[in-house]
Amino acid sequence: MYVVKLNTVKPLSPVEERRVKLDRKQIGEHISCCWRDGFYYDAEIIDKRVEPTGEPSFYVHYTDLDRRLDEWVPGSRVDVDGEFPVKAPEAELSDHGSDTGERQTRGRKRTVAGLPAFLEEDEPMDAETLAFEKERLESTKVKNIQWIVFGRWEVDAWYYSPYPESLTRGQPWLLVCEWCLLYMRKARTFATHQRHCPHRAPVGGRLIYRK
């Protein structure tokens, strides 16, 4: 007599089930994402990656809001089960999570062609220029730097910055000398440069504006 042992499928834990749902999220898909004010907003996935911890994160664009608010968000800020109501962006969100009135920005309105409205409000572009603009917007839609350290200050980056990829790969910040504007990646190099930088005033020797 033979005994056949059937394989049993172990049910997933809530944490594992949530992870599976996050892994299935695709670029171009809309998700409900928690902003810094604690409310959830509709957002489009522009890019996705797996962090060194193994957790997924998403680069999102909040629907009907300016691109400067695009950011990388961890999976913990994504509502995968629709538990929380989605808030409509009645006014533009500030970087600190509060509304700033009815101020409009040029980049908020999108057109069917996929270009910001201000590009199509100007004189019509020829096919070659239009193709170049679309390619440029596509290649710069993900911010490569989240913030810069400028001397003693930390400054949030709003848009893509054309720094060399070797300096921005795998690191969300960049170090910039406040006197000569030299940029670098490593804190040790930055500290050494600050000790030996010959400038102790902003570069430039000609007065342009005076109140």
N, C-alpha and C. Protein backbone atom coordinates (compact mmCIF):
# COMPACT_ATOMS: atom_id res chain seq x y z
N MET A 1 0.85 -1.19 0.00
CA MET A 1 0.00 0.00 0.00
C MET A 1 0.89 1.25 0.00
N TYR A 2 0.51 2.20 -0.80
CA TYR A 2 1.27 3.43 -0.90
C TYR A 2 0.47 4.57 -0.29
N VAL A 3 1.19 5.46 0.39
CA VAL A 3 0.56 6.63 0.98
C VAL A 3 0.99 7.86 0.19
N VAL A 4 0.05 8.55 -0.39
CA VAL A 4 0.35 9.74 -1.19
C VAL A 4 0.15 10.97 -0.30
N LYS A 5 1.18 11.75 -0.15
CA LYS A 5 1.13 12.95 0.68
C LYS A 5 0.89 14.16 -0.22
N LEU A 6 -0.21 14.82 -0.02
CA LEU A 6 -0.55 15.98 -0.83
C LEU A 6 0.13 17.23 -0.27
N ASN A 7 0.64 18.05 -1.16
CA ASN A 7 1.24 19.32 -0.74
C ASN A 7 0.14 20.30 -0.36
N THR A 8 0.29 20.89 0.77
CA THR A 8 -0.68 21.88 1.23
C THR A 8 -0.11 23.27 1.04
N VAL A 9 -0.97 24.19 0.63
CA VAL A 9 -0.55 25.57 0.40
C VAL A 9 -0.75 26.36 1.67
N LYS A 10 0.32 26.91 2.19
CA LYS A 10 0.24 27.70 3.41
C LYS A 10 -0.29 29.10 3.08
N PRO A 11 -1.34 29.52 3.77
CA PRO A 11 -1.89 30.86 3.49
C PRO A 11 -0.88 31.95 3.83
N LEU A 12 -0.95 33.02 3.06
CA LEU A 12 -0.03 34.13 3.27
C LEU A 12 -0.45 34.94 4.49
N SER A 13 0.52 35.46 5.19
CA SER A 13 0.25 36.36 6.30
C SER A 13 -0.18 37.71 5.73
N PRO A 14 -0.81 38.58 6.52
CA PRO A 14 -1.20 39.91 6.02
C PRO A 14 -0.02 40.70 5.46
N VAL A 15 1.14 40.59 6.08
CA VAL A 15 2.33 41.31 5.59
C VAL A 15 2.76 40.77 4.25
N GLU A 16 2.77 39.44 4.10
CA GLU A 16 3.16 38.83 2.83
C GLU A 16 2.16 39.13 1.73
N GLU A 17 0.88 39.14 2.08
CA GLU A 17 -0.16 39.44 1.09
C GLU A 17 -0.03 40.88 0.59
N ARG A 18 0.27 41.80 1.51
CA ARG A 18 0.46 43.20 1.12
C ARG A 18 1.68 43.33 0.20
N ARG A 19 2.74 42.60 0.50
CA ARG A 19 3.95 42.66 -0.31
C ARG A 19 3.67 42.16 -1.73
N VAL A 20 2.89 41.10 -1.86
CA VAL A 20 2.54 40.57 -3.18
C VAL A 20 1.77 41.62 -3.98
N LYS A 21 0.83 42.31 -3.33
CA LYS A 21 0.03 43.33 -4.00
C LYS A 21 0.92 44.49 -4.46
N LEU A 22 1.90 44.87 -3.63
CA LEU A 22 2.81 45.95 -4.02
C LEU A 22 3.68 45.53 -5.20
N ASP A 23 4.15 44.29 -5.19
CA ASP A 23 5.01 43.80 -6.28
C ASP A 23 4.27 43.78 -7.61
N ARG A 24 2.95 43.66 -7.56
CA ARG A 24 2.17 43.59 -8.80
C ARG A 24 1.88 44.97 -9.39
N LYS A 25 2.16 46.02 -8.65
CA LYS A 25 1.93 47.37 -9.16
C LYS A 25 2.88 47.65 -10.32
N GLN A 26 2.33 48.21 -11.41
CA GLN A 26 3.10 48.44 -12.62
C GLN A 26 3.24 49.92 -12.92
N ILE A 27 4.29 50.27 -13.68
CA ILE A 27 4.49 51.65 -14.13
C ILE A 27 3.31 52.08 -14.99
N GLY A 28 2.79 53.27 -14.72
CA GLY A 28 1.62 53.77 -15.42
C GLY A 28 0.33 53.54 -14.67
N GLU A 29 0.37 52.67 -13.67
CA GLU A 29 -0.82 52.37 -12.87
C GLU A 29 -1.05 53.49 -11.85
N HIS A 30 -2.30 53.75 -11.52
CA HIS A 30 -2.64 54.76 -10.52
C HIS A 30 -2.83 54.09 -9.17
N ILE A 31 -2.30 54.73 -8.13
CA ILE A 31 -2.41 54.21 -6.78
C ILE A 31 -2.85 55.34 -5.84
N SER A 32 -3.31 54.95 -4.67
CA SER A 32 -3.65 55.92 -3.63
C SER A 32 -2.45 56.03 -2.70
N CYS A 33 -1.88 57.24 -2.62
CA CYS A 33 -0.62 57.43 -1.92
C CYS A 33 -0.76 58.48 -0.81
N CYS A 34 -0.20 58.20 0.34
CA CYS A 34 -0.28 59.10 1.49
C CYS A 34 0.74 60.23 1.34
N TRP A 35 0.23 61.47 1.40
CA TRP A 35 1.11 62.65 1.35
C TRP A 35 1.55 63.01 2.76
N ARG A 36 2.40 64.02 2.88
CA ARG A 36 2.96 64.39 4.18
C ARG A 36 1.94 64.98 5.14
N ASP A 37 0.78 65.36 4.62
CA ASP A 37 -0.26 65.90 5.49
C ASP A 37 -1.15 64.81 6.08
N GLY A 38 -0.86 63.55 5.73
CA GLY A 38 -1.63 62.44 6.28
C GLY A 38 -2.82 62.03 5.44
N PHE A 39 -3.16 62.81 4.39
CA PHE A 39 -4.25 62.46 3.50
C PHE A 39 -3.73 61.65 2.32
N TYR A 40 -4.65 60.92 1.68
CA TYR A 40 -4.30 60.09 0.53
C TYR A 40 -4.74 60.77 -0.76
N TYR A 41 -3.86 60.75 -1.78
CA TYR A 41 -4.12 61.38 -3.07
C TYR A 41 -3.87 60.39 -4.19
N ASP A 42 -4.56 60.60 -5.30
CA ASP A 42 -4.35 59.76 -6.46
C ASP A 42 -3.00 60.10 -7.09
N ALA A 43 -2.24 59.07 -7.44
CA ALA A 43 -0.91 59.29 -8.02
C ALA A 43 -0.63 58.23 -9.07
N GLU A 44 0.16 58.61 -10.06
CA GLU A 44 0.56 57.69 -11.13
C GLU A 44 1.98 57.21 -10.87
N ILE A 45 2.21 55.92 -11.04
CA ILE A 45 3.54 55.35 -10.88
C ILE A 45 4.38 55.67 -12.11
N ILE A 46 5.45 56.43 -11.91
CA ILE A 46 6.35 56.79 -13.00
C ILE A 46 7.50 55.80 -13.11
N ASP A 47 7.96 55.30 -11.96
CA ASP A 47 9.06 54.34 -11.93
C ASP A 47 8.94 53.53 -10.64
N LYS A 48 9.61 52.42 -10.58
CA LYS A 48 9.61 51.59 -9.37
C LYS A 48 10.97 50.94 -9.21
N ARG A 49 11.31 50.58 -7.98
CA ARG A 49 12.58 49.95 -7.70
C ARG A 49 12.46 49.14 -6.41
N VAL A 50 13.45 48.30 -6.17
CA VAL A 50 13.52 47.52 -4.94
C VAL A 50 14.67 48.07 -4.10
N GLU A 51 14.38 48.45 -2.88
CA GLU A 51 15.38 49.01 -1.99
C GLU A 51 16.31 47.91 -1.48
N PRO A 52 17.49 48.28 -0.94
CA PRO A 52 18.41 47.27 -0.39
C PRO A 52 17.77 46.38 0.67
N THR A 53 16.72 46.88 1.34
CA THR A 53 16.02 46.09 2.36
C THR A 53 15.10 45.05 1.72
N GLY A 54 14.94 45.12 0.40
CA GLY A 54 14.04 44.21 -0.29
C GLY A 54 12.64 44.75 -0.46
N GLU A 55 12.35 45.91 0.12
CA GLU A 55 11.02 46.50 0.03
C GLU A 55 10.89 47.32 -1.26
N PRO A 56 9.73 47.28 -1.91
CA PRO A 56 9.53 48.07 -3.13
C PRO A 56 9.26 49.53 -2.80
N SER A 57 9.66 50.41 -3.68
CA SER A 57 9.32 51.83 -3.56
C SER A 57 8.94 52.33 -4.95
N PHE A 58 8.18 53.43 -4.98
CA PHE A 58 7.61 53.92 -6.22
C PHE A 58 7.89 55.41 -6.39
N TYR A 59 8.23 55.80 -7.63
CA TYR A 59 8.34 57.22 -7.95
C TYR A 59 7.01 57.64 -8.53
N VAL A 60 6.32 58.57 -7.87
CA VAL A 60 4.94 58.88 -8.23
C VAL A 60 4.78 60.35 -8.63
N HIS A 61 3.79 60.56 -9.49
CA HIS A 61 3.34 61.91 -9.85
C HIS A 61 1.91 62.06 -9.37
N TYR A 62 1.68 63.05 -8.50
CA TYR A 62 0.34 63.27 -7.96
C TYR A 62 -0.54 63.93 -9.02
N THR A 63 -1.68 63.32 -9.27
CA THR A 63 -2.58 63.76 -10.34
C THR A 63 -2.98 65.22 -10.17
N ASP A 64 -2.84 65.99 -11.27
CA ASP A 64 -3.23 67.41 -11.34
C ASP A 64 -2.36 68.32 -10.49
N LEU A 65 -1.21 67.85 -10.04
CA LEU A 65 -0.29 68.69 -9.27
C LEU A 65 1.03 68.83 -10.02
N ASP A 66 1.79 69.85 -9.64
CA ASP A 66 3.03 70.16 -10.35
C ASP A 66 4.06 69.04 -10.19
N ARG A 67 4.91 68.90 -11.18
CA ARG A 67 5.94 67.85 -11.16
C ARG A 67 6.96 68.02 -10.04
N ARG A 68 7.08 69.22 -9.50
CA ARG A 68 8.06 69.42 -8.43
C ARG A 68 7.70 68.63 -7.18
N LEU A 69 6.43 68.18 -7.08
CA LEU A 69 6.00 67.39 -5.94
C LEU A 69 6.20 65.89 -6.16
N ASP A 70 6.65 65.50 -7.36
CA ASP A 70 6.93 64.09 -7.61
C ASP A 70 8.00 63.60 -6.64
N GLU A 71 7.88 62.36 -6.20
CA GLU A 71 8.83 61.86 -5.21
C GLU A 71 8.84 60.35 -5.17
N TRP A 72 9.90 59.80 -4.55
CA TRP A 72 9.96 58.38 -4.25
C TRP A 72 9.23 58.13 -2.94
N VAL A 73 8.34 57.16 -2.94
CA VAL A 73 7.60 56.83 -1.72
C VAL A 73 7.77 55.35 -1.42
N PRO A 74 7.92 54.99 -0.15
CA PRO A 74 8.00 53.57 0.20
C PRO A 74 6.64 52.90 0.08
N GLY A 75 6.65 51.60 0.01
CA GLY A 75 5.40 50.86 -0.10
C GLY A 75 4.47 51.07 1.08
N SER A 76 5.03 51.47 2.23
CA SER A 76 4.21 51.68 3.42
C SER A 76 3.25 52.85 3.27
N ARG A 77 3.50 53.74 2.29
CA ARG A 77 2.63 54.90 2.07
C ARG A 77 1.58 54.65 0.99
N VAL A 78 1.52 53.44 0.48
CA VAL A 78 0.57 53.09 -0.58
C VAL A 78 -0.61 52.34 0.02
N ASP A 79 -1.81 52.77 -0.29
CA ASP A 79 -3.04 52.11 0.17
C ASP A 79 -3.42 51.05 -0.86
N VAL A 80 -3.01 49.82 -0.64
CA VAL A 80 -3.24 48.76 -1.62
C VAL A 80 -4.65 48.18 -1.55
N ASP A 81 -5.34 48.39 -0.45
CA ASP A 81 -6.66 47.79 -0.26
C ASP A 81 -7.81 48.79 -0.32
N GLY A 82 -7.51 50.06 -0.62
CA GLY A 82 -8.56 51.07 -0.71
C GLY A 82 -9.24 51.35 0.61
N GLU A 83 -8.47 51.32 1.69
CA GLU A 83 -9.05 51.52 3.02
C GLU A 83 -9.32 52.99 3.33
N PHE A 84 -8.57 53.89 2.67
CA PHE A 84 -8.66 55.31 3.01
C PHE A 84 -9.26 56.10 1.85
N PRO A 85 -10.06 57.11 2.15
CA PRO A 85 -10.65 57.94 1.08
C PRO A 85 -9.58 58.76 0.37
N VAL A 86 -9.77 58.95 -0.93
CA VAL A 86 -8.81 59.74 -1.72
C VAL A 86 -9.27 61.19 -1.73
N LYS A 87 -8.38 62.08 -1.36
CA LYS A 87 -8.71 63.51 -1.30
C LYS A 87 -8.42 64.16 -2.65
N ALA A 88 -9.33 65.01 -3.10
CA ALA A 88 -9.13 65.75 -4.35
C ALA A 88 -8.19 66.92 -4.10
N PRO A 89 -7.21 67.14 -4.98
CA PRO A 89 -6.27 68.26 -4.81
C PRO A 89 -6.92 69.58 -5.15
N GLU A 90 -7.70 70.15 -4.21
CA GLU A 90 -8.42 71.40 -4.47
C GLU A 90 -7.47 72.57 -4.69
N ALA A 91 -6.35 72.57 -4.01
CA ALA A 91 -5.32 73.60 -4.20
C ALA A 91 -3.98 72.90 -4.20
N GLU A 92 -2.99 73.57 -4.73
CA GLU A 92 -1.68 72.96 -4.85
C GLU A 92 -1.08 72.71 -3.47
N LEU A 93 -0.55 71.50 -3.28
CA LEU A 93 0.09 71.16 -2.02
C LEU A 93 1.44 71.84 -1.93
N SER A 94 1.76 72.31 -0.75
CA SER A 94 3.09 72.87 -0.53
C SER A 94 4.04 71.75 -0.18
N ASP A 95 5.33 72.05 -0.11
CA ASP A 95 6.32 71.04 0.24
C ASP A 95 6.19 70.61 1.69
N HIS A 96 5.43 71.35 2.48
CA HIS A 96 5.28 71.02 3.89
C HIS A 96 3.93 70.39 4.18
N GLY A 97 3.17 70.06 3.12
CA GLY A 97 1.94 69.34 3.30
C GLY A 97 0.74 70.19 3.59
N SER A 98 0.78 71.48 3.31
CA SER A 98 -0.37 72.34 3.52
C SER A 98 -0.73 73.02 2.22
N ASP A 99 -1.95 73.56 2.14
CA ASP A 99 -2.40 74.22 0.93
C ASP A 99 -1.87 75.63 0.87
N THR A 100 -1.61 76.11 -0.33
CA THR A 100 -1.05 77.45 -0.49
C THR A 100 -1.99 78.34 -1.28
N GLY A 101 -3.29 78.12 -1.15
CA GLY A 101 -4.25 78.98 -1.83
C GLY A 101 -4.52 78.49 -3.22
N GLU A 102 -4.90 79.42 -4.09
CA GLU A 102 -5.30 79.05 -5.44
C GLU A 102 -4.22 79.35 -6.46
N ARG A 103 -2.99 79.37 -6.02
CA ARG A 103 -1.88 79.67 -6.93
C ARG A 103 -1.76 78.57 -7.96
N GLN A 104 -1.68 78.95 -9.21
CA GLN A 104 -1.55 78.00 -10.31
C GLN A 104 -0.12 77.99 -10.81
N THR A 105 0.32 76.85 -11.34
CA THR A 105 1.64 76.75 -11.94
C THR A 105 1.48 76.32 -13.38
N ARG A 106 2.47 76.66 -14.20
CA ARG A 106 2.36 76.35 -15.61
C ARG A 106 2.33 74.86 -15.88
N GLY A 107 3.00 74.08 -15.02
CA GLY A 107 3.11 72.66 -15.28
C GLY A 107 1.92 71.84 -14.84
N ARG A 108 0.91 72.45 -14.19
CA ARG A 108 -0.20 71.66 -13.68
C ARG A 108 -1.10 71.13 -14.79
N LYS A 109 -1.38 71.95 -15.77
CA LYS A 109 -2.29 71.55 -16.83
C LYS A 109 -1.55 70.68 -17.85
N ARG A 110 -2.13 69.52 -18.16
CA ARG A 110 -1.55 68.63 -19.14
C ARG A 110 -2.44 68.57 -20.37
N THR A 111 -1.84 68.26 -21.49
CA THR A 111 -2.59 68.21 -22.74
C THR A 111 -2.60 66.80 -23.26
N VAL A 112 -3.41 66.57 -24.27
CA VAL A 112 -3.53 65.23 -24.84
C VAL A 112 -2.21 64.80 -25.46
N ALA A 113 -1.47 65.75 -26.00
CA ALA A 113 -0.20 65.42 -26.65
C ALA A 113 0.87 65.02 -25.66
N GLY A 114 0.63 65.22 -24.36
CA GLY A 114 1.59 64.81 -23.35
C GLY A 114 2.59 65.88 -22.99
N LEU A 115 2.42 67.09 -23.51
CA LEU A 115 3.32 68.18 -23.20
C LEU A 115 2.66 69.14 -22.21
N PRO A 116 3.46 69.81 -21.37
CA PRO A 116 2.88 70.83 -20.50
C PRO A 116 2.19 71.91 -21.34
N ALA A 117 1.16 72.50 -20.76
CA ALA A 117 0.35 73.45 -21.52
C ALA A 117 1.16 74.64 -22.02
N PHE A 118 2.14 75.10 -21.22
CA PHE A 118 2.85 76.31 -21.63
C PHE A 118 3.67 76.10 -22.90
N LEU A 119 4.05 74.84 -23.19
CA LEU A 119 4.79 74.58 -24.41
C LEU A 119 3.90 74.68 -25.64
N GLU A 120 2.61 74.38 -25.47
CA GLU A 120 1.70 74.42 -26.61
C GLU A 120 0.98 75.76 -26.71
N GLU A 121 1.13 76.62 -25.69
CA GLU A 121 0.53 77.93 -25.76
C GLU A 121 1.41 78.90 -26.53
N ASP A 122 2.70 78.56 -26.69
CA ASP A 122 3.61 79.40 -27.45
C ASP A 122 3.41 79.14 -28.95
N GLU A 123 4.34 79.64 -29.75
CA GLU A 123 4.25 79.42 -31.19
C GLU A 123 4.37 77.93 -31.50
N PRO A 124 3.64 77.44 -32.51
CA PRO A 124 3.69 76.02 -32.85
C PRO A 124 5.12 75.57 -33.16
N MET A 125 5.46 74.36 -32.70
CA MET A 125 6.79 73.82 -32.93
C MET A 125 6.76 72.87 -34.12
N ASP A 126 7.87 72.81 -34.83
CA ASP A 126 7.97 71.87 -35.93
C ASP A 126 8.09 70.45 -35.37
N ALA A 127 7.96 69.46 -36.23
CA ALA A 127 7.93 68.06 -35.81
C ALA A 127 9.21 67.65 -35.09
N GLU A 128 10.36 68.14 -35.58
CA GLU A 128 11.64 67.77 -34.98
C GLU A 128 11.76 68.33 -33.57
N THR A 129 11.38 69.60 -33.39
CA THR A 129 11.46 70.22 -32.07
C THR A 129 10.47 69.57 -31.11
N LEU A 130 9.28 69.26 -31.60
CA LEU A 130 8.26 68.61 -30.77
C LEU A 130 8.75 67.24 -30.30
N ALA A 131 9.38 66.49 -31.20
CA ALA A 131 9.90 65.17 -30.83
C ALA A 131 11.02 65.31 -29.80
N PHE A 132 11.87 66.34 -29.97
CA PHE A 132 12.95 66.57 -29.02
C PHE A 132 12.41 66.90 -27.63
N GLU A 133 11.35 67.74 -27.57
CA GLU A 133 10.76 68.12 -26.29
C GLU A 133 10.14 66.91 -25.59
N LYS A 134 9.47 66.07 -26.35
CA LYS A 134 8.88 64.88 -25.76
C LYS A 134 9.95 63.95 -25.22
N GLU A 135 11.05 63.79 -25.98
CA GLU A 135 12.14 62.93 -25.53
C GLU A 135 12.79 63.50 -24.28
N ARG A 136 12.95 64.83 -24.23
CA ARG A 136 13.56 65.47 -23.07
C ARG A 136 12.70 65.30 -21.82
N LEU A 137 11.38 65.49 -21.98
CA LEU A 137 10.48 65.33 -20.84
C LEU A 137 10.47 63.90 -20.34
N GLU A 138 10.57 62.95 -21.27
CA GLU A 138 10.57 61.55 -20.88
C GLU A 138 11.83 61.19 -20.10
N SER A 139 12.97 61.72 -20.53
CA SER A 139 14.25 61.38 -19.88
C SER A 139 14.47 62.13 -18.58
N THR A 140 13.71 63.19 -18.34
CA THR A 140 13.91 63.99 -17.11
C THR A 140 12.72 63.93 -16.17
N LYS A 141 11.80 62.97 -16.37
CA LYS A 141 10.59 62.95 -15.54
C LYS A 141 10.84 62.40 -14.15
N VAL A 142 11.96 61.70 -13.94
CA VAL A 142 12.30 61.18 -12.62
C VAL A 142 13.45 62.00 -12.04
N LYS A 143 13.22 62.59 -10.88
CA LYS A 143 14.29 63.38 -10.24
C LYS A 143 15.44 62.45 -9.85
N ASN A 144 16.65 62.83 -10.24
CA ASN A 144 17.81 62.03 -9.89
C ASN A 144 18.43 62.47 -8.56
N ILE A 145 18.02 63.62 -8.06
CA ILE A 145 18.50 64.13 -6.76
C ILE A 145 17.29 64.58 -5.95
N GLN A 146 17.19 64.13 -4.72
CA GLN A 146 16.08 64.52 -3.86
C GLN A 146 16.39 65.81 -3.09
N TRP A 147 17.64 66.00 -2.72
CA TRP A 147 18.05 67.25 -2.07
C TRP A 147 19.56 67.43 -2.21
N ILE A 148 20.01 68.67 -2.01
CA ILE A 148 21.44 68.98 -2.02
C ILE A 148 21.83 69.55 -0.66
N VAL A 149 23.06 69.29 -0.29
CA VAL A 149 23.65 69.92 0.90
C VAL A 149 24.48 71.08 0.39
N PHE A 150 24.02 72.29 0.68
CA PHE A 150 24.65 73.51 0.18
C PHE A 150 25.28 74.24 1.36
N GLY A 151 26.57 73.96 1.60
CA GLY A 151 27.21 74.51 2.79
C GLY A 151 26.58 73.92 4.04
N ARG A 152 25.96 74.77 4.86
CA ARG A 152 25.30 74.32 6.08
C ARG A 152 23.82 74.01 5.88
N TRP A 153 23.33 74.16 4.64
CA TRP A 153 21.91 74.06 4.39
C TRP A 153 21.57 72.81 3.58
N GLU A 154 20.38 72.28 3.83
CA GLU A 154 19.82 71.21 3.01
C GLU A 154 18.67 71.79 2.20
N VAL A 155 18.72 71.63 0.88
CA VAL A 155 17.75 72.24 -0.02
C VAL A 155 17.08 71.14 -0.84
N ASP A 156 15.74 71.08 -0.80
CA ASP A 156 15.01 70.10 -1.60
C ASP A 156 15.13 70.42 -3.08
N ALA A 157 15.32 69.38 -3.88
CA ALA A 157 15.34 69.55 -5.34
C ALA A 157 13.93 69.40 -5.88
N TRP A 158 13.54 70.29 -6.79
CA TRP A 158 12.20 70.26 -7.34
C TRP A 158 12.11 69.45 -8.62
N TYR A 159 13.16 69.51 -9.44
CA TYR A 159 13.10 68.86 -10.75
C TYR A 159 14.38 68.08 -11.01
N TYR A 160 14.41 67.43 -12.14
CA TYR A 160 15.60 66.70 -12.57
C TYR A 160 16.79 67.65 -12.70
N SER A 161 17.97 67.18 -12.29
CA SER A 161 19.18 68.00 -12.37
C SER A 161 20.21 67.28 -13.24
N PRO A 162 20.78 67.95 -14.24
CA PRO A 162 21.68 67.28 -15.18
C PRO A 162 23.10 67.07 -14.64
N TYR A 163 23.22 66.49 -13.46
CA TYR A 163 24.53 66.12 -12.93
C TYR A 163 24.95 64.76 -13.48
N PRO A 164 26.25 64.46 -13.50
CA PRO A 164 26.70 63.16 -14.01
C PRO A 164 26.06 62.00 -13.24
N GLU A 165 25.68 60.97 -13.96
CA GLU A 165 25.02 59.82 -13.33
C GLU A 165 25.92 59.14 -12.32
N SER A 166 27.23 59.21 -12.54
CA SER A 166 28.16 58.57 -11.59
C SER A 166 28.11 59.20 -10.21
N LEU A 167 27.64 60.45 -10.13
CA LEU A 167 27.54 61.13 -8.84
C LEU A 167 26.18 60.95 -8.18
N THR A 168 25.17 60.61 -8.94
CA THR A 168 23.82 60.54 -8.40
C THR A 168 23.28 59.13 -8.26
N ARG A 169 23.97 58.15 -8.83
CA ARG A 169 23.47 56.78 -8.80
C ARG A 169 23.49 56.22 -7.38
N GLY A 170 22.32 55.75 -6.92
CA GLY A 170 22.24 55.10 -5.62
C GLY A 170 22.34 56.01 -4.43
N GLN A 171 22.22 57.32 -4.64
CA GLN A 171 22.34 58.28 -3.53
C GLN A 171 21.37 59.43 -3.77
N PRO A 172 20.52 59.76 -2.80
CA PRO A 172 19.49 60.78 -3.04
C PRO A 172 19.96 62.22 -2.89
N TRP A 173 21.18 62.45 -2.46
CA TRP A 173 21.65 63.82 -2.25
C TRP A 173 22.96 64.07 -2.97
N LEU A 174 23.33 65.36 -3.04
CA LEU A 174 24.60 65.77 -3.62
C LEU A 174 25.14 66.91 -2.76
N LEU A 175 26.45 66.96 -2.60
CA LEU A 175 27.11 67.97 -1.78
C LEU A 175 27.65 69.07 -2.68
N VAL A 176 27.33 70.33 -2.37
CA VAL A 176 27.73 71.46 -3.20
C VAL A 176 28.40 72.52 -2.33
N CYS A 177 29.58 72.98 -2.73
CA CYS A 177 30.28 74.03 -2.00
C CYS A 177 29.53 75.35 -2.17
N GLU A 178 29.23 76.03 -1.08
CA GLU A 178 28.47 77.28 -1.15
C GLU A 178 29.29 78.44 -1.69
N TRP A 179 30.61 78.28 -1.81
CA TRP A 179 31.45 79.38 -2.27
C TRP A 179 31.82 79.24 -3.74
N CYS A 180 32.30 78.08 -4.16
CA CYS A 180 32.74 77.91 -5.55
C CYS A 180 31.78 77.06 -6.38
N LEU A 181 30.76 76.49 -5.73
CA LEU A 181 29.72 75.69 -6.39
C LEU A 181 30.23 74.35 -6.93
N LEU A 182 31.41 73.93 -6.49
CA LEU A 182 31.91 72.61 -6.87
C LEU A 182 31.03 71.54 -6.22
N TYR A 183 30.65 70.53 -6.97
CA TYR A 183 29.77 69.49 -6.44
C TYR A 183 30.53 68.18 -6.30
N MET A 184 30.16 67.39 -5.32
CA MET A 184 30.84 66.13 -5.05
C MET A 184 29.88 65.16 -4.36
N ARG A 185 30.30 63.92 -4.27
CA ARG A 185 29.44 62.85 -3.78
C ARG A 185 29.72 62.44 -2.34
N LYS A 186 30.99 62.40 -1.97
CA LYS A 186 31.38 61.85 -0.67
C LYS A 186 31.55 62.95 0.38
N ALA A 187 31.08 62.66 1.60
CA ALA A 187 31.16 63.63 2.69
C ALA A 187 32.61 63.92 3.07
N ARG A 188 33.47 62.91 2.99
CA ARG A 188 34.88 63.12 3.34
C ARG A 188 35.54 64.08 2.35
N THR A 189 35.24 63.90 1.07
CA THR A 189 35.77 64.80 0.05
C THR A 189 35.23 66.22 0.26
N PHE A 190 33.97 66.32 0.62
CA PHE A 190 33.33 67.61 0.86
C PHE A 190 33.98 68.33 2.03
N ALA A 191 34.26 67.61 3.12
CA ALA A 191 34.88 68.21 4.30
C ALA A 191 36.30 68.69 3.98
N THR A 192 37.03 67.89 3.20
CA THR A 192 38.39 68.29 2.81
C THR A 192 38.35 69.53 1.93
N HIS A 193 37.43 69.57 0.99
CA HIS A 193 37.32 70.73 0.11
C HIS A 193 36.98 71.99 0.89
N GLN A 194 36.09 71.89 1.86
CA GLN A 194 35.70 73.07 2.64
C GLN A 194 36.88 73.66 3.39
N ARG A 195 37.81 72.81 3.82
CA ARG A 195 39.00 73.32 4.54
C ARG A 195 39.97 74.02 3.61
N HIS A 196 40.00 73.62 2.34
CA HIS A 196 41.01 74.14 1.42
C HIS A 196 40.45 75.03 0.32
N CYS A 197 39.15 75.22 0.26
CA CYS A 197 38.57 76.07 -0.78
C CYS A 197 39.09 77.50 -0.63
N PRO A 198 39.67 78.11 -1.68
CA PRO A 198 40.24 79.46 -1.56
C PRO A 198 39.18 80.56 -1.47
N HIS A 199 37.94 80.25 -1.77
CA HIS A 199 36.88 81.26 -1.78
C HIS A 199 36.17 81.30 -0.43
N ARG A 200 35.86 82.49 0.02
CA ARG A 200 35.07 82.68 1.24
C ARG A 200 33.96 83.69 1.00
N ALA A 201 33.62 83.84 -0.25
CA ALA A 201 32.50 84.70 -0.66
C ALA A 201 31.95 84.11 -1.95
N PRO A 202 30.70 84.35 -2.26
CA PRO A 202 30.14 83.80 -3.50
C PRO A 202 30.95 84.23 -4.71
N VAL A 203 31.03 83.33 -5.69
CA VAL A 203 31.82 83.62 -6.89
C VAL A 203 31.16 84.75 -7.67
N GLY A 204 31.97 85.44 -8.46
CA GLY A 204 31.47 86.57 -9.24
C GLY A 204 31.95 87.88 -8.63
N GLY A 205 32.41 88.79 -9.47
CA GLY A 205 32.95 90.05 -8.94
C GLY A 205 32.24 91.27 -9.48
N ARG A 206 31.09 91.09 -10.13
CA ARG A 206 30.40 92.23 -10.72
C ARG A 206 28.99 92.35 -10.17
N LEU A 207 28.65 93.52 -9.67
CA LEU A 207 27.33 93.76 -9.11
C LEU A 207 26.30 93.90 -10.24
N ILE A 208 25.23 93.10 -10.16
CA ILE A 208 24.21 93.13 -11.20
C ILE A 208 22.96 93.86 -10.74
N TYR A 209 22.52 93.58 -9.53
CA TYR A 209 21.30 94.21 -8.99
C TYR A 209 21.61 94.92 -7.68
N ARG A 210 20.95 96.02 -7.48
CA ARG A 210 21.04 96.73 -6.22
C ARG A 210 19.67 97.35 -5.93
N LYS A 211 19.19 97.17 -4.72
CA LYS A 211 17.89 97.76 -4.35
C LYS A 211 18.08 99.23 -4.02
